[in-house]
């Protein structure tokens, strides 16, 4: 008899048995994120047929033009978790302020931060998109958490991960020290374990960067990327450039095959572009727990002390040896 594949719900239940004190709430939270992925994937499959493409005419707190699918994805997260009883606060890249859920207090002991639709510029051209999430635990203190209580180091995340919407829909997450990937089988509506205990190669052969910004980069970053284009003695050829405009898709490729993703600081924008709490921290947790590294170029991402809800940071992430070489160049040590 053929072995039945491991579903997301079965996997979570089996993992929960290792923690006798577990109440099951955290397990349900992860399955709810899977539900969000199913709902967003459903909307994306119809994106070319219904009026969800284009912009809303508004700008978000980041100063970026909001696409309709951004708002649909954001609303999907809100609808699923507003009635889950699992979280007490929701914070999104698309919202200026967090949303407190007093009706869930004191039961909802988790705080969820998310980027509801990463790479939304890809929607009009049918390219990959993603969603990113970070889960923090509220310490209680007899009250709902204030906004500043979301300013946690990445090392304080209890779980993090992403949804990838491409040729298939995937849920990749880390709880503890391992990273697992599940692929949605639309015929049965279940996520099946497809990538168990993912380990990123120590060194890769691919780099992802928006080289249209090359003239704005600091000299150390330019030097490093220039070096990737010459023949690498160890690899036997130059690195290959692969950049989709979607952080999730680019990092996912590197997570499985090795390499490096760079969205560095610029001469006029040393703080970078990506958001620490919604993008850099959760992706850093996933990559580090798979054996890779994540850095600003000078500091470990997960050690940064957040100072604002929508704080931006440079991000250098991927295979450990590649990130170390990038840091050496950026810091003038190579």
C-alpha atoms as a PDB file:
ATOM      1  CA  UNK A   1       0.000   0.000   0.000  1.00  0.00           C
ATOM      2  CA  UNK A   2       1.325   3.434  -0.964  1.00  0.00           C
ATOM      3  CA  UNK A   3       2.300   5.658   1.936  1.00  0.00           C
ATOM      4  CA  UNK A   4      -0.196   8.484   2.449  1.00  0.00           C
ATOM      5  CA  UNK A   5       1.515  11.890   2.387  1.00  0.00           C
ATOM      6  CA  UNK A   6       1.759  13.913   5.583  1.00  0.00           C
ATOM      7  CA  UNK A   7      -0.772  16.738   5.695  1.00  0.00           C
ATOM      8  CA  UNK A   8      -0.148  20.054   7.440  1.00  0.00           C
ATOM      9  CA  UNK A   9      -2.722  19.288  10.149  1.00  0.00           C
ATOM     10  CA  UNK A  10      -1.271  15.827  10.810  1.00  0.00           C
ATOM     11  CA  UNK A  11       2.264  17.219  10.935  1.00  0.00           C
ATOM     12  CA  UNK A  12       1.287  19.916  13.435  1.00  0.00           C
ATOM     13  CA  UNK A  13      -0.563  17.443  15.655  1.00  0.00           C
ATOM     14  CA  UNK A  14       2.405  15.056  15.656  1.00  0.00           C
ATOM     15  CA  UNK A  15       4.813  17.883  16.472  1.00  0.00           C
ATOM     16  CA  UNK A  16       2.569  19.065  19.292  1.00  0.00           C
ATOM     17  CA  UNK A  17       2.905  15.717  21.097  1.00  0.00           C
ATOM     18  CA  UNK A  18       6.516  16.653  21.877  1.00  0.00           C
ATOM     19  CA  UNK A  19       5.207  19.465  24.097  1.00  0.00           C
ATOM     20  CA  UNK A  20       2.876  18.037  26.775  1.00  0.00           C
ATOM     21  CA  UNK A  21       2.154  21.550  28.072  1.00  0.00           C
ATOM     22  CA  UNK A  22       0.865  22.711  24.672  1.00  0.00           C
ATOM     23  CA  UNK A  23      -2.767  23.880  24.604  1.00  0.00           C
ATOM     24  CA  UNK A  24      -3.210  23.518  20.840  1.00  0.00           C
ATOM     25  CA  UNK A  25      -3.769  27.222  20.168  1.00  0.00           C
ATOM     26  CA  UNK A  26      -0.460  27.675  18.388  1.00  0.00           C
ATOM     27  CA  UNK A  27      -1.147  24.649  16.203  1.00  0.00           C
ATOM     28  CA  UNK A  28      -4.508  26.091  15.162  1.00  0.00           C
ATOM     29  CA  UNK A  29      -2.822  29.418  14.413  1.00  0.00           C
ATOM     30  CA  UNK A  30      -0.525  27.767  11.863  1.00  0.00           C
ATOM     31  CA  UNK A  31      -3.452  26.010  10.194  1.00  0.00           C
ATOM     32  CA  UNK A  32      -5.250  29.370   9.986  1.00  0.00           C
ATOM     33  CA  UNK A  33      -2.259  30.820   8.139  1.00  0.00           C
ATOM     34  CA  UNK A  34      -2.651  27.902   5.758  1.00  0.00           C
ATOM     35  CA  UNK A  35      -6.289  28.940   5.283  1.00  0.00           C
ATOM     36  CA  UNK A  36      -5.182  32.483   4.463  1.00  0.00           C
ATOM     37  CA  UNK A  37      -2.924  31.001   1.790  1.00  0.00           C
ATOM     38  CA  UNK A  38      -5.794  29.038   0.250  1.00  0.00           C
ATOM     39  CA  UNK A  39      -8.029  32.107   0.121  1.00  0.00           C
ATOM     40  CA  UNK A  40      -5.389  34.376  -1.399  1.00  0.00           C
ATOM     41  CA  UNK A  41      -4.407  31.695  -3.910  1.00  0.00           C
ATOM     42  CA  UNK A  42      -8.062  31.438  -4.938  1.00  0.00           C
ATOM     43  CA  UNK A  43      -8.205  35.191  -5.609  1.00  0.00           C
ATOM     44  CA  UNK A  44      -4.913  35.152  -7.496  1.00  0.00           C
ATOM     45  CA  UNK A  45      -6.084  32.356  -9.791  1.00  0.00           C
ATOM     46  CA  UNK A  46      -8.925  34.639 -10.892  1.00  0.00           C
ATOM     47  CA  UNK A  47      -6.846  37.830 -10.943  1.00  0.00           C
ATOM     48  CA  UNK A  48      -6.842  38.110 -14.716  1.00  0.00           C
ATOM     49  CA  UNK A  49     -10.603  37.563 -14.943  1.00  0.00           C
ATOM     50  CA  UNK A  50     -12.034  39.811 -12.269  1.00  0.00           C
ATOM     51  CA  UNK A  51     -11.512  43.429 -11.379  1.00  0.00           C
ATOM     52  CA  UNK A  52      -8.729  42.976  -8.827  1.00  0.00           C
ATOM     53  CA  UNK A  53      -5.760  44.186 -10.833  1.00  0.00           C
ATOM     54  CA  UNK A  54      -4.504  47.754 -10.928  1.00  0.00           C
ATOM     55  CA  UNK A  55      -4.335  50.295  -8.113  1.00  0.00           C
ATOM     56  CA  UNK A  56      -6.825  51.676  -5.630  1.00  0.00           C
ATOM     57  CA  UNK A  57      -5.625  55.246  -6.108  1.00  0.00           C
ATOM     58  CA  UNK A  58      -4.380  55.290  -2.510  1.00  0.00           C
ATOM     59  CA  UNK A  59      -0.921  55.094  -0.951  1.00  0.00           C
ATOM     60  CA  UNK A  60      -0.031  53.019   2.092  1.00  0.00           C
ATOM     61  CA  UNK A  61       1.938  54.082   5.146  1.00  0.00           C
ATOM     62  CA  UNK A  62       5.136  53.295   3.228  1.00  0.00           C
ATOM     63  CA  UNK A  63       4.255  55.914   0.607  1.00  0.00           C
ATOM     64  CA  UNK A  64       3.680  53.230  -2.025  1.00  0.00           C
ATOM     65  CA  UNK A  65       0.754  53.001  -4.416  1.00  0.00           C
ATOM     66  CA  UNK A  66      -1.690  50.382  -3.171  1.00  0.00           C
ATOM     67  CA  UNK A  67      -2.803  47.694  -5.600  1.00  0.00           C
ATOM     68  CA  UNK A  68      -6.273  46.175  -5.254  1.00  0.00           C
ATOM     69  CA  UNK A  69      -4.800  42.760  -4.573  1.00  0.00           C
ATOM     70  CA  UNK A  70      -2.745  44.239  -1.707  1.00  0.00           C
ATOM     71  CA  UNK A  71      -5.951  45.273   0.017  1.00  0.00           C
ATOM     72  CA  UNK A  72      -7.741  42.015  -0.782  1.00  0.00           C
ATOM     73  CA  UNK A  73      -4.849  40.023   0.725  1.00  0.00           C
ATOM     74  CA  UNK A  74      -4.680  42.328   3.761  1.00  0.00           C
ATOM     75  CA  UNK A  75      -8.422  41.989   4.336  1.00  0.00           C
ATOM     76  CA  UNK A  76      -8.107  38.206   4.055  1.00  0.00           C
ATOM     77  CA  UNK A  77      -5.612  38.117   6.932  1.00  0.00           C
ATOM     78  CA  UNK A  78      -7.887  40.365   8.982  1.00  0.00           C
ATOM     79  CA  UNK A  79     -11.056  38.350   8.302  1.00  0.00           C
ATOM     80  CA  UNK A  80      -9.430  35.030   9.190  1.00  0.00           C
ATOM     81  CA  UNK A  81      -7.769  36.178  12.402  1.00  0.00           C
ATOM     82  CA  UNK A  82     -10.376  38.623  13.687  1.00  0.00           C
ATOM     83  CA  UNK A  83     -12.627  35.642  14.400  1.00  0.00           C
ATOM     84  CA  UNK A  84      -9.997  33.084  15.337  1.00  0.00           C
ATOM     85  CA  UNK A  85      -9.650  33.880  19.050  1.00  0.00           C
ATOM     86  CA  UNK A  86      -5.922  33.207  18.656  1.00  0.00           C
ATOM     87  CA  UNK A  87      -4.295  36.629  18.403  1.00  0.00           C
ATOM     88  CA  UNK A  88      -4.689  39.823  20.368  1.00  0.00           C
ATOM     89  CA  UNK A  89      -2.949  42.153  17.893  1.00  0.00           C
ATOM     90  CA  UNK A  90      -2.579  42.262  14.107  1.00  0.00           C
ATOM     91  CA  UNK A  91       0.005  44.497  12.410  1.00  0.00           C
ATOM     92  CA  UNK A  92       0.473  44.800   8.669  1.00  0.00           C
ATOM     93  CA  UNK A  93       2.758  46.560   6.242  1.00  0.00           C
ATOM     94  CA  UNK A  94      -0.404  48.011   4.683  1.00  0.00           C
ATOM     95  CA  UNK A  95      -1.779  49.528   7.907  1.00  0.00           C
ATOM     96  CA  UNK A  96      -0.434  52.571   9.702  1.00  0.00           C
ATOM     97  CA  UNK A  97      -1.318  51.236  13.158  1.00  0.00           C
ATOM     98  CA  UNK A  98      -1.818  47.766  14.635  1.00  0.00           C
ATOM     99  CA  UNK A  99      -5.327  46.466  15.221  1.00  0.00           C
ATOM    100  CA  UNK A 100      -6.069  45.318  18.753  1.00  0.00           C
ATOM    101  CA  UNK A 101      -8.626  42.558  19.263  1.00  0.00           C
ATOM    102  CA  UNK A 102     -10.061  43.102  22.749  1.00  0.00           C
ATOM    103  CA  UNK A 103     -12.760  40.476  22.150  1.00  0.00           C
ATOM    104  CA  UNK A 104      -9.996  37.840  22.111  1.00  0.00           C
ATOM    105  CA  UNK A 105      -8.304  38.998  25.286  1.00  0.00           C
ATOM    106  CA  UNK A 106      -7.056  37.328  27.441  1.00  0.00           C
ATOM    107  CA  UNK A 107      -7.324  34.150  25.368  1.00  0.00           C
ATOM    108  CA  UNK A 108      -5.450  35.377  22.291  1.00  0.00           C
ATOM    109  CA  UNK A 109      -1.858  35.372  23.483  1.00  0.00           C
ATOM    110  CA  UNK A 110      -0.124  35.739  20.107  1.00  0.00           C
ATOM    111  CA  UNK A 111       0.696  38.814  18.042  1.00  0.00           C
ATOM    112  CA  UNK A 112       0.764  38.459  14.255  1.00  0.00           C
ATOM    113  CA  UNK A 113       2.757  40.737  11.952  1.00  0.00           C
ATOM    114  CA  UNK A 114       2.513  40.254   8.201  1.00  0.00           C
ATOM    115  CA  UNK A 115       3.211  41.501   4.706  1.00  0.00           C
ATOM    116  CA  UNK A 116      -0.032  40.400   3.018  1.00  0.00           C
ATOM    117  CA  UNK A 117       1.211  40.425  -0.587  1.00  0.00           C
ATOM    118  CA  UNK A 118       4.913  40.594  -1.335  1.00  0.00           C
ATOM    119  CA  UNK A 119       5.890  41.464  -4.907  1.00  0.00           C
ATOM    120  CA  UNK A 120       2.505  42.934  -5.809  1.00  0.00           C
ATOM    121  CA  UNK A 121       4.046  44.674  -8.838  1.00  0.00           C
ATOM    122  CA  UNK A 122       4.093  41.167 -10.340  1.00  0.00           C
ATOM    123  CA  UNK A 123       0.307  40.833 -10.305  1.00  0.00           C
ATOM    124  CA  UNK A 124      -0.282  42.461 -13.676  1.00  0.00           C
ATOM    125  CA  UNK A 125       2.221  40.177 -15.439  1.00  0.00           C
ATOM    126  CA  UNK A 126       1.325  36.800 -13.860  1.00  0.00           C
ATOM    127  CA  UNK A 127       4.625  36.345 -12.001  1.00  0.00           C
ATOM    128  CA  UNK A 128       5.235  34.899  -8.499  1.00  0.00           C
ATOM    129  CA  UNK A 129       3.940  36.588  -5.371  1.00  0.00           C
ATOM    130  CA  UNK A 130       4.176  35.853  -1.695  1.00  0.00           C
ATOM    131  CA  UNK A 131       3.036  36.690   1.821  1.00  0.00           C
ATOM    132  CA  UNK A 132       5.257  36.831   4.907  1.00  0.00           C
ATOM    133  CA  UNK A 133       4.355  36.378   8.569  1.00  0.00           C
ATOM    134  CA  UNK A 134       5.980  36.722  11.974  1.00  0.00           C
ATOM    135  CA  UNK A 135       4.487  35.422  15.222  1.00  0.00           C
ATOM    136  CA  UNK A 136       5.311  36.875  18.630  1.00  0.00           C
ATOM    137  CA  UNK A 137       3.970  35.851  22.022  1.00  0.00           C
ATOM    138  CA  UNK A 138       2.454  38.439  24.328  1.00  0.00           C
ATOM    139  CA  UNK A 139       3.664  38.067  27.889  1.00  0.00           C
ATOM    140  CA  UNK A 140       0.269  38.872  29.364  1.00  0.00           C
ATOM    141  CA  UNK A 141       0.707  41.612  31.964  1.00  0.00           C
ATOM    142  CA  UNK A 142      -3.075  41.731  32.328  1.00  0.00           C
ATOM    143  CA  UNK A 143      -3.712  44.006  29.365  1.00  0.00           C
ATOM    144  CA  UNK A 144      -3.610  44.229  25.584  1.00  0.00           C
ATOM    145  CA  UNK A 145      -0.148  44.991  24.179  1.00  0.00           C
ATOM    146  CA  UNK A 146       0.715  48.548  23.180  1.00  0.00           C
ATOM    147  CA  UNK A 147       2.276  49.237  19.785  1.00  0.00           C
ATOM    148  CA  UNK A 148       5.773  49.453  21.257  1.00  0.00           C
ATOM    149  CA  UNK A 149       5.467  45.869  22.517  1.00  0.00           C
ATOM    150  CA  UNK A 150       5.656  44.721  18.898  1.00  0.00           C
ATOM    151  CA  UNK A 151       9.190  46.150  18.674  1.00  0.00           C
ATOM    152  CA  UNK A 152      10.916  42.850  19.386  1.00  0.00           C
ATOM    153  CA  UNK A 153      14.223  41.477  18.206  1.00  0.00           C
ATOM    154  CA  UNK A 154      13.903  38.779  15.574  1.00  0.00           C
ATOM    155  CA  UNK A 155      15.300  36.286  18.073  1.00  0.00           C
ATOM    156  CA  UNK A 156      12.040  36.648  20.026  1.00  0.00           C
ATOM    157  CA  UNK A 157       9.859  35.316  17.217  1.00  0.00           C
ATOM    158  CA  UNK A 158       8.178  32.045  18.159  1.00  0.00           C
ATOM    159  CA  UNK A 159       7.528  31.220  14.502  1.00  0.00           C
ATOM    160  CA  UNK A 160       7.922  32.808  11.087  1.00  0.00           C
ATOM    161  CA  UNK A 161       7.451  31.888   7.483  1.00  0.00           C
ATOM    162  CA  UNK A 162       5.969  32.697   4.133  1.00  0.00           C
ATOM    163  CA  UNK A 163       3.415  31.698   1.542  1.00  0.00           C
ATOM    164  CA  UNK A 164       4.598  31.426  -2.062  1.00  0.00           C
ATOM    165  CA  UNK A 165       2.091  31.774  -4.891  1.00  0.00           C
ATOM    166  CA  UNK A 166       3.580  30.480  -8.120  1.00  0.00           C
ATOM    167  CA  UNK A 167       3.150  27.367 -10.235  1.00  0.00           C
ATOM    168  CA  UNK A 168       1.991  25.876  -6.937  1.00  0.00           C
ATOM    169  CA  UNK A 169       1.099  27.362  -3.567  1.00  0.00           C
ATOM    170  CA  UNK A 170       3.577  26.641  -0.767  1.00  0.00           C
ATOM    171  CA  UNK A 171       3.667  27.300   2.963  1.00  0.00           C
ATOM    172  CA  UNK A 172       7.181  27.378   4.430  1.00  0.00           C
ATOM    173  CA  UNK A 173       7.714  28.030   8.127  1.00  0.00           C
ATOM    174  CA  UNK A 174      10.065  27.580  11.048  1.00  0.00           C
ATOM    175  CA  UNK A 175       9.101  26.702  14.587  1.00  0.00           C
ATOM    176  CA  UNK A 176      12.035  25.914  16.807  1.00  0.00           C
ATOM    177  CA  UNK A 177      15.181  25.154  14.835  1.00  0.00           C
ATOM    178  CA  UNK A 178      13.854  23.464  11.688  1.00  0.00           C
ATOM    179  CA  UNK A 179      12.279  24.668   8.451  1.00  0.00           C
ATOM    180  CA  UNK A 180       9.576  22.713   6.636  1.00  0.00           C
ATOM    181  CA  UNK A 181       7.742  23.295   3.368  1.00  0.00           C
ATOM    182  CA  UNK A 182       4.213  22.220   2.462  1.00  0.00           C
ATOM    183  CA  UNK A 183       2.696  22.309  -1.024  1.00  0.00           C
ATOM    184  CA  UNK A 184      -1.035  22.806  -1.510  1.00  0.00           C
ATOM    185  CA  UNK A 185      -2.747  20.004  -3.423  1.00  0.00           C
ATOM    186  CA  UNK A 186      -5.811  21.776  -4.870  1.00  0.00           C
ATOM    187  CA  UNK A 187      -7.512  18.470  -5.713  1.00  0.00           C
ATOM    188  CA  UNK A 188      -7.976  17.693  -2.006  1.00  0.00           C
ATOM    189  CA  UNK A 189      -7.560  21.183  -0.562  1.00  0.00           C
ATOM    190  CA  UNK A 190      -4.719  20.112   1.737  1.00  0.00           C
ATOM    191  CA  UNK A 191      -1.124  21.172   2.254  1.00  0.00           C
ATOM    192  CA  UNK A 192       1.182  18.156   1.963  1.00  0.00           C
ATOM    193  CA  UNK A 193       4.688  17.927   3.396  1.00  0.00           C
ATOM    194  CA  UNK A 194       6.950  18.292   0.363  1.00  0.00           C
ATOM    195  CA  UNK A 195      10.181  19.699   1.852  1.00  0.00           C
ATOM    196  CA  UNK A 196      11.107  18.317   5.262  1.00  0.00           C
ATOM    197  CA  UNK A 197      13.930  19.881   7.283  1.00  0.00           C
ATOM    198  CA  UNK A 198      15.170  22.208   4.544  1.00  0.00           C
ATOM    199  CA  UNK A 199      18.922  22.928   4.619  1.00  0.00           C
ATOM    200  CA  UNK A 200      20.414  25.708   2.525  1.00  0.00           C
ATOM    201  CA  UNK A 201      23.781  24.939   0.862  1.00  0.00           C
ATOM    202  CA  UNK A 202      26.749  26.705   2.498  1.00  0.00           C
ATOM    203  CA  UNK A 203      27.600  28.373  -0.811  1.00  0.00           C
ATOM    204  CA  UNK A 204      25.552  28.883  -3.957  1.00  0.00           C
ATOM    205  CA  UNK A 205      25.851  29.853  -7.608  1.00  0.00           C
ATOM    206  CA  UNK A 206      22.988  32.354  -7.888  1.00  0.00           C
ATOM    207  CA  UNK A 207      22.529  35.971  -6.811  1.00  0.00           C
ATOM    208  CA  UNK A 208      19.368  38.083  -6.751  1.00  0.00           C
ATOM    209  CA  UNK A 209      19.541  41.879  -6.721  1.00  0.00           C
ATOM    210  CA  UNK A 210      17.866  44.818  -8.414  1.00  0.00           C
ATOM    211  CA  UNK A 211      20.860  45.962 -10.433  1.00  0.00           C
ATOM    212  CA  UNK A 212      18.892  48.937 -11.722  1.00  0.00           C
ATOM    213  CA  UNK A 213      19.943  50.518  -8.411  1.00  0.00           C
ATOM    214  CA  UNK A 214      23.643  49.706  -8.939  1.00  0.00           C
ATOM    215  CA  UNK A 215      24.692  53.360  -9.298  1.00  0.00           C
ATOM    216  CA  UNK A 216      23.076  54.115  -5.904  1.00  0.00           C
ATOM    217  CA  UNK A 217      24.884  51.363  -4.008  1.00  0.00           C
ATOM    218  CA  UNK A 218      27.850  51.931  -1.742  1.00  0.00           C
ATOM    219  CA  UNK A 219      31.241  50.988  -3.232  1.00  0.00           C
ATOM    220  CA  UNK A 220      31.596  47.825  -1.135  1.00  0.00           C
ATOM    221  CA  UNK A 221      28.291  46.462  -2.452  1.00  0.00           C
ATOM    222  CA  UNK A 222      29.230  47.306  -6.033  1.00  0.00           C
ATOM    223  CA  UNK A 223      32.578  45.578  -5.587  1.00  0.00           C
ATOM    224  CA  UNK A 224      30.958  42.421  -4.248  1.00  0.00           C
ATOM    225  CA  UNK A 225      28.390  42.130  -7.048  1.00  0.00           C
ATOM    226  CA  UNK A 226      31.080  42.857  -9.650  1.00  0.00           C
ATOM    227  CA  UNK A 227      33.105  39.963  -8.223  1.00  0.00           C
ATOM    228  CA  UNK A 228      30.158  37.585  -8.644  1.00  0.00           C
ATOM    229  CA  UNK A 229      30.248  38.178 -12.398  1.00  0.00           C
ATOM    230  CA  UNK A 230      33.811  36.997 -12.906  1.00  0.00           C
ATOM    231  CA  UNK A 231      34.798  33.356 -13.127  1.00  0.00           C
ATOM    232  CA  UNK A 232      34.651  31.788  -9.671  1.00  0.00           C
ATOM    233  CA  UNK A 233      37.422  29.209  -9.303  1.00  0.00           C
ATOM    234  CA  UNK A 234      35.432  27.092  -6.853  1.00  0.00           C
ATOM    235  CA  UNK A 235      32.211  27.165  -8.889  1.00  0.00           C
ATOM    236  CA  UNK A 236      33.952  26.991 -12.265  1.00  0.00           C
ATOM    237  CA  UNK A 237      31.850  29.851 -13.650  1.00  0.00           C
ATOM    238  CA  UNK A 238      30.354  33.214 -12.693  1.00  0.00           C
ATOM    239  CA  UNK A 239      27.236  33.385 -10.530  1.00  0.00           C
ATOM    240  CA  UNK A 240      23.921  33.457 -12.385  1.00  0.00           C
ATOM    241  CA  UNK A 241      21.607  36.450 -11.863  1.00  0.00           C
ATOM    242  CA  UNK A 242      18.015  35.603 -10.918  1.00  0.00           C
ATOM    243  CA  UNK A 243      15.705  38.422  -9.792  1.00  0.00           C
ATOM    244  CA  UNK A 244      11.905  38.332  -9.898  1.00  0.00           C
ATOM    245  CA  UNK A 245      10.917  41.433  -7.940  1.00  0.00           C
ATOM    246  CA  UNK A 246       9.338  39.227  -5.255  1.00  0.00           C
ATOM    247  CA  UNK A 247      11.383  38.767  -2.081  1.00  0.00           C
ATOM    248  CA  UNK A 248       9.636  35.510  -1.193  1.00  0.00           C
ATOM    249  CA  UNK A 249      10.215  33.928  -4.605  1.00  0.00           C
ATOM    250  CA  UNK A 250      13.865  34.993  -4.775  1.00  0.00           C
ATOM    251  CA  UNK A 251      14.713  33.853  -1.239  1.00  0.00           C
ATOM    252  CA  UNK A 252      12.805  30.595  -1.741  1.00  0.00           C
ATOM    253  CA  UNK A 253      14.972  29.767  -4.764  1.00  0.00           C
ATOM    254  CA  UNK A 254      18.091  30.482  -2.708  1.00  0.00           C
ATOM    255  CA  UNK A 255      16.793  28.547   0.316  1.00  0.00           C
ATOM    256  CA  UNK A 256      16.515  25.415  -1.815  1.00  0.00           C
ATOM    257  CA  UNK A 257      19.517  25.844  -4.111  1.00  0.00           C
ATOM    258  CA  UNK A 258      21.917  28.221  -2.360  1.00  0.00           C
ATOM    259  CA  UNK A 259      23.148  31.700  -3.230  1.00  0.00           C
ATOM    260  CA  UNK A 260      22.535  35.227  -2.027  1.00  0.00           C
ATOM    261  CA  UNK A 261      19.808  37.881  -2.131  1.00  0.00           C
ATOM    262  CA  UNK A 262      20.743  41.540  -1.733  1.00  0.00           C
ATOM    263  CA  UNK A 263      18.576  44.590  -1.165  1.00  0.00           C
ATOM    264  CA  UNK A 264      21.336  46.801   0.279  1.00  0.00           C
ATOM    265  CA  UNK A 265      21.379  50.294   1.672  1.00  0.00           C
ATOM    266  CA  UNK A 266      21.974  53.067  -0.842  1.00  0.00           C
ATOM    267  CA  UNK A 267      23.997  56.266  -0.768  1.00  0.00           C
ATOM    268  CA  UNK A 268      20.857  58.370  -0.258  1.00  0.00           C
ATOM    269  CA  UNK A 269      18.932  55.652   1.609  1.00  0.00           C
ATOM    270  CA  UNK A 270      21.343  53.898   3.968  1.00  0.00           C
ATOM    271  CA  UNK A 271      18.374  52.484   5.906  1.00  0.00           C
ATOM    272  CA  UNK A 272      17.412  50.339   2.906  1.00  0.00           C
ATOM    273  CA  UNK A 273      13.927  49.544   1.650  1.00  0.00           C
ATOM    274  CA  UNK A 274      12.651  46.331   3.239  1.00  0.00           C
ATOM    275  CA  UNK A 275      10.738  46.362   6.528  1.00  0.00           C
ATOM    276  CA  UNK A 276      12.415  44.844   9.557  1.00  0.00           C
ATOM    277  CA  UNK A 277       9.339  43.498  11.343  1.00  0.00           C
ATOM    278  CA  UNK A 278       7.293  42.295   8.365  1.00  0.00           C
ATOM    279  CA  UNK A 279       9.966  41.102   5.927  1.00  0.00           C
ATOM    280  CA  UNK A 280      13.558  40.965   7.173  1.00  0.00           C
ATOM    281  CA  UNK A 281      12.983  39.367  10.596  1.00  0.00           C
ATOM    282  CA  UNK A 282      10.708  36.510   9.472  1.00  0.00           C
ATOM    283  CA  UNK A 283      12.785  35.710   6.376  1.00  0.00           C
ATOM    284  CA  UNK A 284      15.958  35.843   8.472  1.00  0.00           C
ATOM    285  CA  UNK A 285      14.531  33.371  10.981  1.00  0.00           C
ATOM    286  CA  UNK A 286      13.629  30.917   8.210  1.00  0.00           C
ATOM    287  CA  UNK A 287      17.000  31.177   6.466  1.00  0.00           C
ATOM    288  CA  UNK A 288      19.064  31.000   9.672  1.00  0.00           C
ATOM    289  CA  UNK A 289      17.178  27.948  10.914  1.00  0.00           C
ATOM    290  CA  UNK A 290      17.944  26.316   7.563  1.00  0.00           C
ATOM    291  CA  UNK A 291      21.669  26.973   8.083  1.00  0.00           C
ATOM    292  CA  UNK A 292      22.049  30.292   6.269  1.00  0.00           C
ATOM    293  CA  UNK A 293      22.691  33.870   7.369  1.00  0.00           C
ATOM    294  CA  UNK A 294      20.915  37.223   7.231  1.00  0.00           C
ATOM    295  CA  UNK A 295      22.648  40.564   7.681  1.00  0.00           C
ATOM    296  CA  UNK A 296      22.352  44.277   7.035  1.00  0.00           C
ATOM    297  CA  UNK A 297      25.906  44.078   5.733  1.00  0.00           C
ATOM    298  CA  UNK A 298      27.253  45.108   9.125  1.00  0.00           C
ATOM    299  CA  UNK A 299      24.902  43.492  11.683  1.00  0.00           C
ATOM    300  CA  UNK A 300      22.928  40.286  12.109  1.00  0.00           C
ATOM    301  CA  UNK A 301      19.283  40.998  11.240  1.00  0.00           C
ATOM    302  CA  UNK A 302      17.857  39.017  14.170  1.00  0.00           C
ATOM    303  CA  UNK A 303      19.909  41.044  16.683  1.00  0.00           C
ATOM    304  CA  UNK A 304      18.546  44.433  15.632  1.00  0.00           C
ATOM    305  CA  UNK A 305      16.543  46.426  18.191  1.00  0.00           C
ATOM    306  CA  UNK A 306      13.432  47.729  16.374  1.00  0.00           C
ATOM    307  CA  UNK A 307      12.655  51.373  16.967  1.00  0.00           C
ATOM    308  CA  UNK A 308       9.542  51.821  14.812  1.00  0.00           C
ATOM    309  CA  UNK A 309       6.677  49.707  13.505  1.00  0.00           C
ATOM    310  CA  UNK A 310       7.558  50.274   9.855  1.00  0.00           C
ATOM    311  CA  UNK A 311      11.331  50.492  10.233  1.00  0.00           C
ATOM    312  CA  UNK A 312      13.364  49.738   7.096  1.00  0.00           C
ATOM    313  CA  UNK A 313      16.659  47.864   6.901  1.00  0.00           C
ATOM    314  CA  UNK A 314      19.133  46.673   4.268  1.00  0.00           C
ATOM    315  CA  UNK A 315      18.940  42.902   3.731  1.00  0.00           C
ATOM    316  CA  UNK A 316      21.733  40.532   2.680  1.00  0.00           C
ATOM    317  CA  UNK A 317      20.454  36.956   3.034  1.00  0.00           C
ATOM    318  CA  UNK A 318      21.269  33.468   1.841  1.00  0.00           C
ATOM    319  CA  UNK A 319      24.033  30.863   2.019  1.00  0.00           C
ATOM    320  CA  UNK A 320      26.348  31.415   4.994  1.00  0.00           C
ATOM    321  CA  UNK A 321      29.601  31.673   3.021  1.00  0.00           C
ATOM    322  CA  UNK A 322      28.076  34.006   0.437  1.00  0.00           C
ATOM    323  CA  UNK A 323      26.699  36.366   3.089  1.00  0.00           C
ATOM    324  CA  UNK A 324      30.025  36.367   4.932  1.00  0.00           C
ATOM    325  CA  UNK A 325      31.844  37.336   1.725  1.00  0.00           C
ATOM    326  CA  UNK A 326      29.328  40.112   1.061  1.00  0.00           C
ATOM    327  CA  UNK A 327      29.783  41.451   4.602  1.00  0.00           C
ATOM    328  CA  UNK A 328      33.564  41.459   4.186  1.00  0.00           C
ATOM    329  CA  UNK A 329      33.277  43.512   0.987  1.00  0.00           C
ATOM    330  CA  UNK A 330      30.690  45.927   2.378  1.00  0.00           C
ATOM    331  CA  UNK A 331      32.788  46.474   5.513  1.00  0.00           C
ATOM    332  CA  UNK A 332      35.975  46.980   3.473  1.00  0.00           C
ATOM    333  CA  UNK A 333      37.642  43.794   4.709  1.00  0.00           C
ATOM    334  CA  UNK A 334      37.941  42.224   1.250  1.00  0.00           C
END
